[in-house]
């Protein structure tokens, strides 16, 4: 299975060369763990290698995302201007959003509007953009917001299954982020983890008064991988994994 570079230093070593091409991978982490940084580095790496990327923002607007990443010195605006990285503003799909009547925004262009935004509507929109813009890498950040719209477990499972299947069938390599709801030792498996082809966990915990960050490749179908906890840091230039070091 062909691996593609993750864009995160050290992470490729845990994955035997990179993410399996064309697969849908879930990135699970608590707030502040660096999920958005990892997703952006993945898209930026592809853009620099002439693989067009699409960033679907569900909680924060594209401008907020770019402002949060400004300190790393990445020229995201240039990649966007060159058409190598596209932003789809889907923040109105949040539960209880005041912008529910607004359409999705691709750059500064409104695609359409719909009285009630649904997973099916998002899937159809993504499929159209992928074909028209020749997208090869996708980041969804996070999926939590839209799934909160489905209060019944059966409806949530159907919606999520359709969403993951559509990403896989698109042929793109996709990263989807979601929140880690409990600590590492008390963590319960989430539905998303069973439906994705790969799962990366980004842990944060306190040890001897220090905050420890650890990344773990919990699942990666079709490729050999290191499943051990490995330390990582958020540096001045981005997120970096230390594949040969132990957490303790």
Foldseek 3Di string as FASTA:
>chain_A
DDADDQLAAPVCQQFVRHAPFLFEEEEEEAPPLAPLLSQVSRLVVCLVVVAAEEEEEAADAPVVSCVVCVLLVDPVVVSVVVLRYKYKYNNLLFVPRPCQQFAIDTPNDGDDGDNGDALVNVLVVVLVCCVVSVHAEYEYEEPVRNLVVDPDPVVSLVSLLVNNVSSSVSRHYYYHYDYQPDAPVPGDDDSNCVNGQWYKYWHWDADPRDIWTWIAGCGHPPTDGNGATWGWDQDSNTIHTDNVDHRD
